[in-house]
Amino acid sequence: MLEHALHRAGVRSTHVHLVSMGAVGLCIGLWIRAKTVDQQERGNAERRALFVGLWPPTLWLIGDSLRREELRLGRRLTSGD
């Protein structure tokens, strides 16, 4: 249902997969930045990096669902339904 709505909105699996990879880069950037702040702020910065680190697997799975939706719609168009 979500993948159908996203597909109708123009979101494609490639878009979501690229955002997922971008979130990996953002997580690494935040983690590196957390090592440069003072000890008092480090805990919050590390938690932020860990929070962003939870996004990539979720986004990747949404992209996979969109890919299946694209394939399903592609088969329907070629079969003439």
PDB file of N, CA and C in Angstrom:
ATOM      1  N   MET A   1       0.818  -1.177   0.000  1.00  0.00           N
ATOM      2  CA  MET A   1       0.000   0.000   0.000  1.00  0.00           C
ATOM      3  C   MET A   1       0.876   1.260   0.000  1.00  0.00           C
ATOM      4  N   LEU A   2       1.858   1.330   0.893  1.00  0.00           N
ATOM      5  CA  LEU A   2       2.761   2.478   0.933  1.00  0.00           C
ATOM      6  C   LEU A   2       3.543   2.582  -0.370  1.00  0.00           C
ATOM      7  N   GLU A   3       4.030   1.449  -0.864  1.00  0.00           N
ATOM      8  CA  GLU A   3       4.818   1.485  -2.096  1.00  0.00           C
ATOM      9  C   GLU A   3       3.977   1.922  -3.287  1.00  0.00           C
ATOM     10  N   HIS A   4       2.697   1.550  -3.295  1.00  0.00           N
ATOM     11  CA  HIS A   4       1.812   1.977  -4.379  1.00  0.00           C
ATOM     12  C   HIS A   4       1.612   3.488  -4.327  1.00  0.00           C
ATOM     13  N   ALA A   5       1.387   4.036  -3.139  1.00  0.00           N
ATOM     14  CA  ALA A   5       1.207   5.481  -2.986  1.00  0.00           C
ATOM     15  C   ALA A   5       2.478   6.235  -3.358  1.00  0.00           C
ATOM     16  N   LEU A   6       3.632   5.732  -2.945  1.00  0.00           N
ATOM     17  CA  LEU A   6       4.893   6.381  -3.298  1.00  0.00           C
ATOM     18  C   LEU A   6       5.134   6.341  -4.799  1.00  0.00           C
ATOM     19  N   HIS A   7       4.811   5.200  -5.419  1.00  0.00           N
ATOM     20  CA  HIS A   7       4.995   5.064  -6.861  1.00  0.00           C
ATOM     21  C   HIS A   7       4.094   6.049  -7.606  1.00  0.00           C
ATOM     22  N   ARG A   8       2.849   6.168  -7.163  1.00  0.00           N
ATOM     23  CA  ARG A   8       1.931   7.131  -7.797  1.00  0.00           C
ATOM     24  C   ARG A   8       2.409   8.560  -7.602  1.00  0.00           C
ATOM     25  N   ALA A   9       3.105   8.833  -6.511  1.00  0.00           N
ATOM     26  CA  ALA A   9       3.630  10.175  -6.246  1.00  0.00           C
ATOM     27  C   ALA A   9       4.892  10.476  -7.050  1.00  0.00           C
ATOM     28  N   GLY A  10       5.415   9.487  -7.758  1.00  0.00           N
ATOM     29  CA  GLY A  10       6.592   9.699  -8.597  1.00  0.00           C
ATOM     30  C   GLY A  10       7.909   9.271  -7.980  1.00  0.00           C
ATOM     31  N   VAL A  11       7.866   8.689  -6.800  1.00  0.00           N
ATOM     32  CA  VAL A  11       9.092   8.218  -6.155  1.00  0.00           C
ATOM     33  C   VAL A  11       9.446   6.859  -6.753  1.00  0.00           C
ATOM     34  N   ARG A  12      10.687   6.688  -7.146  1.00  0.00           N
ATOM     35  CA  ARG A  12      11.143   5.424  -7.723  1.00  0.00           C
ATOM     36  C   ARG A  12      12.142   4.761  -6.786  1.00  0.00           C
ATOM     37  N   SER A  13      12.347   3.477  -6.976  1.00  0.00           N
ATOM     38  CA  SER A  13      13.220   2.715  -6.089  1.00  0.00           C
ATOM     39  C   SER A  13      14.643   3.259  -6.090  1.00  0.00           C
ATOM     40  N   THR A  14      15.104   3.707  -7.242  1.00  0.00           N
ATOM     41  CA  THR A  14      16.462   4.265  -7.330  1.00  0.00           C
ATOM     42  C   THR A  14      16.603   5.489  -6.439  1.00  0.00           C
ATOM     43  N   HIS A  15      15.565   6.311  -6.395  1.00  0.00           N
ATOM     44  CA  HIS A  15      15.610   7.507  -5.545  1.00  0.00           C
ATOM     45  C   HIS A  15      15.797   7.122  -4.085  1.00  0.00           C
ATOM     46  N   VAL A  16      15.012   6.154  -3.631  1.00  0.00           N
ATOM     47  CA  VAL A  16      15.064   5.776  -2.221  1.00  0.00           C
ATOM     48  C   VAL A  16      16.375   5.072  -1.897  1.00  0.00           C
ATOM     49  N   HIS A  17      16.899   4.274  -2.823  1.00  0.00           N
ATOM     50  CA  HIS A  17      18.185   3.623  -2.592  1.00  0.00           C
ATOM     51  C   HIS A  17      19.306   4.666  -2.488  1.00  0.00           C
ATOM     52  N   LEU A  18      19.248   5.709  -3.316  1.00  0.00           N
ATOM     53  CA  LEU A  18      20.267   6.762  -3.231  1.00  0.00           C
ATOM     54  C   LEU A  18      20.163   7.529  -1.916  1.00  0.00           C
ATOM     55  N   VAL A  19      18.954   7.791  -1.463  1.00  0.00           N
ATOM     56  CA  VAL A  19      18.768   8.458  -0.172  1.00  0.00           C
ATOM     57  C   VAL A  19      19.309   7.577   0.956  1.00  0.00           C
ATOM     58  N   SER A  20      19.111   6.273   0.838  1.00  0.00           N
ATOM     59  CA  SER A  20      19.627   5.342   1.841  1.00  0.00           C
ATOM     60  C   SER A  20      21.156   5.415   1.915  1.00  0.00           C
ATOM     61  N   MET A  21      21.800   5.429   0.751  1.00  0.00           N
ATOM     62  CA  MET A  21      23.258   5.527   0.745  1.00  0.00           C
ATOM     63  C   MET A  21      23.715   6.887   1.274  1.00  0.00           C
ATOM     64  N   GLY A  22      22.948   7.938   0.982  1.00  0.00           N
ATOM     65  CA  GLY A  22      23.268   9.257   1.524  1.00  0.00           C
ATOM     66  C   GLY A  22      23.166   9.280   3.040  1.00  0.00           C
ATOM     67  N   ALA A  23      22.188   8.547   3.587  1.00  0.00           N
ATOM     68  CA  ALA A  23      22.043   8.472   5.040  1.00  0.00           C
ATOM     69  C   ALA A  23      23.238   7.764   5.675  1.00  0.00           C
ATOM     70  N   VAL A  24      23.821   6.797   4.973  1.00  0.00           N
ATOM     71  CA  VAL A  24      25.037   6.148   5.475  1.00  0.00           C
ATOM     72  C   VAL A  24      26.159   7.181   5.574  1.00  0.00           C
ATOM     73  N   GLY A  25      26.301   7.981   4.513  1.00  0.00           N
ATOM     74  CA  GLY A  25      27.323   9.021   4.523  1.00  0.00           C
ATOM     75  C   GLY A  25      27.087  10.050   5.616  1.00  0.00           C
ATOM     76  N   LEU A  26      25.835  10.440   5.811  1.00  0.00           N
ATOM     77  CA  LEU A  26      25.498  11.386   6.866  1.00  0.00           C
ATOM     78  C   LEU A  26      25.821  10.811   8.238  1.00  0.00           C
ATOM     79  N   CYS A  27      25.516   9.547   8.435  1.00  0.00           N
ATOM     80  CA  CYS A  27      25.811   8.893   9.713  1.00  0.00           C
ATOM     81  C   CYS A  27      27.318   8.896   9.986  1.00  0.00           C
ATOM     82  N   ILE A  28      28.092   8.550   8.981  1.00  0.00           N
ATOM     83  CA  ILE A  28      29.555   8.540   9.148  1.00  0.00           C
ATOM     84  C   ILE A  28      30.064   9.943   9.430  1.00  0.00           C
ATOM     85  N   GLY A  29      29.525  10.929   8.715  1.00  0.00           N
ATOM     86  CA  GLY A  29      29.932  12.309   8.949  1.00  0.00           C
ATOM     87  C   GLY A  29      29.606  12.774  10.364  1.00  0.00           C
ATOM     88  N   LEU A  30      28.417  12.431  10.831  1.00  0.00           N
ATOM     89  CA  LEU A  30      28.032  12.810  12.195  1.00  0.00           C
ATOM     90  C   LEU A  30      28.886  12.093  13.239  1.00  0.00           C
ATOM     91  N   TRP A  31      29.221  10.849  12.957  1.00  0.00           N
ATOM     92  CA  TRP A  31      30.045  10.094  13.902  1.00  0.00           C
ATOM     93  C   TRP A  31      31.451  10.687  13.978  1.00  0.00           C
ATOM     94  N   ILE A  32      32.012  11.051  12.823  1.00  0.00           N
ATOM     95  CA  ILE A  32      33.344  11.678  12.814  1.00  0.00           C
ATOM     96  C   ILE A  32      33.295  13.018  13.533  1.00  0.00           C
ATOM     97  N   ARG A  33      32.230  13.772  13.290  1.00  0.00           N
ATOM     98  CA  ARG A  33      32.081  15.058  13.973  1.00  0.00           C
ATOM     99  C   ARG A  33      31.952  14.867  15.482  1.00  0.00           C
ATOM    100  N   ALA A  34      31.303  13.800  15.901  1.00  0.00           N
ATOM    101  CA  ALA A  34      31.145  13.545  17.337  1.00  0.00           C
ATOM    102  C   ALA A  34      32.494  13.350  18.010  1.00  0.00           C
ATOM    103  N   LYS A  35      33.470  12.869  17.275  1.00  0.00           N
ATOM    104  CA  LYS A  35      34.797  12.669  17.858  1.00  0.00           C
ATOM    105  C   LYS A  35      35.565  13.974  18.009  1.00  0.00           C
ATOM    106  N   THR A  36      35.075  15.046  17.358  1.00  0.00           N
ATOM    107  CA  THR A  36      35.798  16.316  17.417  1.00  0.00           C
ATOM    108  C   THR A  36      35.220  17.282  18.448  1.00  0.00           C
ATOM    109  N   VAL A  37      34.046  16.985  18.999  1.00  0.00           N
ATOM    110  CA  VAL A  37      33.441  17.893  19.988  1.00  0.00           C
ATOM    111  C   VAL A  37      33.959  17.530  21.379  1.00  0.00           C
ATOM    112  N   ASP A  38      33.777  18.450  22.300  1.00  0.00           N
ATOM    113  CA  ASP A  38      34.279  18.188  23.648  1.00  0.00           C
ATOM    114  C   ASP A  38      33.440  17.114  24.349  1.00  0.00           C
ATOM    115  N   GLN A  39      33.967  16.620  25.431  1.00  0.00           N
ATOM    116  CA  GLN A  39      33.368  15.475  26.131  1.00  0.00           C
ATOM    117  C   GLN A  39      31.939  15.762  26.587  1.00  0.00           C
ATOM    118  N   GLN A  40      31.657  17.002  26.936  1.00  0.00           N
ATOM    119  CA  GLN A  40      30.338  17.350  27.437  1.00  0.00           C
ATOM    120  C   GLN A  40      29.250  17.194  26.366  1.00  0.00           C
ATOM    121  N   GLU A  41      29.570  17.442  25.099  1.00  0.00           N
ATOM    122  CA  GLU A  41      28.602  17.356  24.011  1.00  0.00           C
ATOM    123  C   GLU A  41      28.703  16.041  23.237  1.00  0.00           C
ATOM    124  N   ARG A  42      29.696  15.243  23.520  1.00  0.00           N
ATOM    125  CA  ARG A  42      29.958  14.045  22.726  1.00  0.00           C
ATOM    126  C   ARG A  42      28.818  13.034  22.790  1.00  0.00           C
ATOM    127  N   GLY A  43      28.218  12.832  23.947  1.00  0.00           N
ATOM    128  CA  GLY A  43      27.148  11.845  24.072  1.00  0.00           C
ATOM    129  C   GLY A  43      25.974  12.164  23.167  1.00  0.00           C
ATOM    130  N   ASN A  44      25.578  13.428  23.140  1.00  0.00           N
ATOM    131  CA  ASN A  44      24.466  13.830  22.290  1.00  0.00           C
ATOM    132  C   ASN A  44      24.818  13.667  20.814  1.00  0.00           C
ATOM    133  N   ALA A  45      26.041  14.025  20.446  1.00  0.00           N
ATOM    134  CA  ALA A  45      26.471  13.904  19.055  1.00  0.00           C
ATOM    135  C   ALA A  45      26.527  12.440  18.619  1.00  0.00           C
ATOM    136  N   GLU A  46      26.984  11.556  19.498  1.00  0.00           N
ATOM    137  CA  GLU A  46      27.025  10.133  19.159  1.00  0.00           C
ATOM    138  C   GLU A  46      25.620   9.556  19.041  1.00  0.00           C
ATOM    139  N   ARG A  47      24.712   9.971  19.909  1.00  0.00           N
ATOM    140  CA  ARG A  47      23.318   9.504  19.811  1.00  0.00           C
ATOM    141  C   ARG A  47      22.681   9.962  18.504  1.00  0.00           C
ATOM    142  N   ARG A  48      22.998  11.164  18.079  1.00  0.00           N
ATOM    143  CA  ARG A  48      22.480  11.666  16.803  1.00  0.00           C
ATOM    144  C   ARG A  48      22.988  10.805  15.653  1.00  0.00           C
ATOM    145  N   ALA A  49      24.265  10.459  15.683  1.00  0.00           N
ATOM    146  CA  ALA A  49      24.831   9.607  14.630  1.00  0.00           C
ATOM    147  C   ALA A  49      24.182   8.222  14.637  1.00  0.00           C
ATOM    148  N   LEU A  50      23.958   7.662  15.817  1.00  0.00           N
ATOM    149  CA  LEU A  50      23.306   6.353  15.898  1.00  0.00           C
ATOM    150  C   LEU A  50      21.864   6.410  15.403  1.00  0.00           C
ATOM    151  N   PHE A  51      21.159   7.488  15.714  1.00  0.00           N
ATOM    152  CA  PHE A  51      19.784   7.645  15.255  1.00  0.00           C
ATOM    153  C   PHE A  51      19.728   7.688  13.733  1.00  0.00           C
ATOM    154  N   VAL A  52      20.605   8.474  13.128  1.00  0.00           N
ATOM    155  CA  VAL A  52      20.644   8.552  11.666  1.00  0.00           C
ATOM    156  C   VAL A  52      21.080   7.206  11.084  1.00  0.00           C
ATOM    157  N   GLY A  53      21.887   6.452  11.815  1.00  0.00           N
ATOM    158  CA  GLY A  53      22.329   5.139  11.356  1.00  0.00           C
ATOM    159  C   GLY A  53      21.207   4.116  11.260  1.00  0.00           C
ATOM    160  N   LEU A  54      20.068   4.400  11.872  1.00  0.00           N
ATOM    161  CA  LEU A  54      18.919   3.501  11.764  1.00  0.00           C
ATOM    162  C   LEU A  54      18.138   3.715  10.477  1.00  0.00           C
ATOM    163  N   TRP A  55      18.340   4.823   9.795  1.00  0.00           N
ATOM    164  CA  TRP A  55      17.580   5.126   8.589  1.00  0.00           C
ATOM    165  C   TRP A  55      17.924   4.262   7.386  1.00  0.00           C
ATOM    166  N   PRO A  56      19.207   4.002   7.074  1.00  0.00           N
ATOM    167  CA  PRO A  56      19.526   3.304   5.824  1.00  0.00           C
ATOM    168  C   PRO A  56      18.822   1.956   5.625  1.00  0.00           C
ATOM    169  N   PRO A  57      18.774   1.054   6.613  1.00  0.00           N
ATOM    170  CA  PRO A  57      18.102  -0.221   6.345  1.00  0.00           C
ATOM    171  C   PRO A  57      16.611  -0.044   6.059  1.00  0.00           C
ATOM    172  N   THR A  58      15.979   0.877   6.767  1.00  0.00           N
ATOM    173  CA  THR A  58      14.559   1.124   6.546  1.00  0.00           C
ATOM    174  C   THR A  58      14.322   1.680   5.148  1.00  0.00           C
ATOM    175  N   LEU A  59      15.121   2.666   4.771  1.00  0.00           N
ATOM    176  CA  LEU A  59      14.966   3.249   3.439  1.00  0.00           C
ATOM    177  C   LEU A  59      15.277   2.237   2.340  1.00  0.00           C
ATOM    178  N   TRP A  60      16.282   1.401   2.563  1.00  0.00           N
ATOM    179  CA  TRP A  60      16.635   0.399   1.554  1.00  0.00           C
ATOM    180  C   TRP A  60      15.486  -0.584   1.347  1.00  0.00           C
ATOM    181  N   LEU A  61      14.848  -1.004   2.433  1.00  0.00           N
ATOM    182  CA  LEU A  61      13.720  -1.930   2.312  1.00  0.00           C
ATOM    183  C   LEU A  61      12.520  -1.271   1.627  1.00  0.00           C
ATOM    184  N   ILE A  62      12.304   0.003   1.885  1.00  0.00           N
ATOM    185  CA  ILE A  62      11.243   0.716   1.168  1.00  0.00           C
ATOM    186  C   ILE A  62      11.575   0.763  -0.321  1.00  0.00           C
ATOM    187  N   GLY A  63      12.839   0.991  -0.652  1.00  0.00           N
ATOM    188  CA  GLY A  63      13.270   0.966  -2.051  1.00  0.00           C
ATOM    189  C   GLY A  63      13.057  -0.392  -2.691  1.00  0.00           C
ATOM    190  N   ASP A  64      13.325  -1.457  -1.953  1.00  0.00           N
ATOM    191  CA  ASP A  64      13.085  -2.804  -2.478  1.00  0.00           C
ATOM    192  C   ASP A  64      11.598  -3.044  -2.727  1.00  0.00           C
ATOM    193  N   SER A  65      10.750  -2.544  -1.837  1.00  0.00           N
ATOM    194  CA  SER A  65       9.304  -2.670  -2.033  1.00  0.00           C
ATOM    195  C   SER A  65       8.864  -1.902  -3.274  1.00  0.00           C
ATOM    196  N   LEU A  66       9.435  -0.721  -3.469  1.00  0.00           N
ATOM    197  CA  LEU A  66       9.121   0.041  -4.678  1.00  0.00           C
ATOM    198  C   LEU A  66       9.594  -0.683  -5.930  1.00  0.00           C
ATOM    199  N   ARG A  67      10.744  -1.336  -5.849  1.00  0.00           N
ATOM    200  CA  ARG A  67      11.259  -2.092  -7.001  1.00  0.00           C
ATOM    201  C   ARG A  67      10.288  -3.215  -7.376  1.00  0.00           C
ATOM    202  N   ARG A  68       9.779  -3.916  -6.362  1.00  0.00           N
ATOM    203  CA  ARG A  68       8.791  -4.966  -6.635  1.00  0.00           C
ATOM    204  C   ARG A  68       7.520  -4.389  -7.258  1.00  0.00           C
ATOM    205  N   GLU A  69       7.105  -3.220  -6.782  1.00  0.00           N
ATOM    206  CA  GLU A  69       5.926  -2.555  -7.352  1.00  0.00           C
ATOM    207  C   GLU A  69       6.181  -2.176  -8.805  1.00  0.00           C
ATOM    208  N   GLU A  70       7.377  -1.672  -9.101  1.00  0.00           N
ATOM    209  CA  GLU A  70       7.715  -1.322 -10.479  1.00  0.00           C
ATOM    210  C   GLU A  70       7.708  -2.554 -11.376  1.00  0.00           C
ATOM    211  N   LEU A  71       8.259  -3.646 -10.877  1.00  0.00           N
ATOM    212  CA  LEU A  71       8.256  -4.881 -11.671  1.00  0.00           C
ATOM    213  C   LEU A  71       6.850  -5.412 -11.876  1.00  0.00           C
ATOM    214  N   ARG A  72       6.027  -5.337 -10.833  1.00  0.00           N
ATOM    215  CA  ARG A  72       4.647  -5.802 -10.940  1.00  0.00           C
ATOM    216  C   ARG A  72       3.876  -4.983 -11.966  1.00  0.00           C
ATOM    217  N   LEU A  73       4.035  -3.663 -11.917  1.00  0.00           N
ATOM    218  CA  LEU A  73       3.355  -2.798 -12.880  1.00  0.00           C
ATOM    219  C   LEU A  73       3.899  -3.009 -14.277  1.00  0.00           C
ATOM    220  N   GLY A  74       5.196  -3.259 -14.393  1.00  0.00           N
ATOM    221  CA  GLY A  74       5.789  -3.527 -15.702  1.00  0.00           C
ATOM    222  C   GLY A  74       5.246  -4.783 -16.331  1.00  0.00           C
ATOM    223  N   ARG A  75       5.065  -5.831 -15.513  1.00  0.00           N
ATOM    224  CA  ARG A  75       4.497  -7.083 -16.036  1.00  0.00           C
ATOM    225  C   ARG A  75       3.054  -6.881 -16.456  1.00  0.00           C
ATOM    226  N   ARG A  76       2.329  -6.066 -15.673  1.00  0.00           N
ATOM    227  CA  ARG A  76       0.931  -5.831 -16.004  1.00  0.00           C
ATOM    228  C   ARG A  76       0.812  -5.074 -17.320  1.00  0.00           C
ATOM    229  N   LEU A  77       1.709  -4.113 -17.568  1.00  0.00           N
ATOM    230  CA  LEU A  77       1.657  -3.349 -18.809  1.00  0.00           C
ATOM    231  C   LEU A  77       2.022  -4.209 -20.015  1.00  0.00           C
ATOM    232  N   THR A  78       2.989  -5.111 -19.859  1.00  0.00           N
ATOM    233  CA  THR A  78       3.387  -5.950 -20.991  1.00  0.00           C
ATOM    234  C   THR A  78       2.396  -7.067 -21.261  1.00  0.00           C
ATOM    235  N   SER A  79       1.623  -7.475 -20.252  1.00  0.00           N
ATOM    236  CA  SER A  79       0.653  -8.542 -20.470  1.00  0.00           C
ATOM    237  C   SER A  79      -0.660  -7.992 -21.028  1.00  0.00           C
ATOM    238  N   GLY A  80      -0.828  -6.660 -21.039  1.00  0.00           N
ATOM    239  CA  GLY A  80      -2.016  -6.065 -21.632  1.00  0.00           C
ATOM    240  C   GLY A  80      -3.181  -5.919 -20.689  1.00  0.00           C
ATOM    241  N   ASP A  81      -2.983  -6.119 -19.398  1.00  0.00           N
ATOM    242  CA  ASP A  81      -4.086  -5.966 -18.424  1.00  0.00           C
ATOM    243  C   ASP A  81      -4.374  -4.523 -18.158  1.00  0.00           C
TER     244      ASP A  81
END
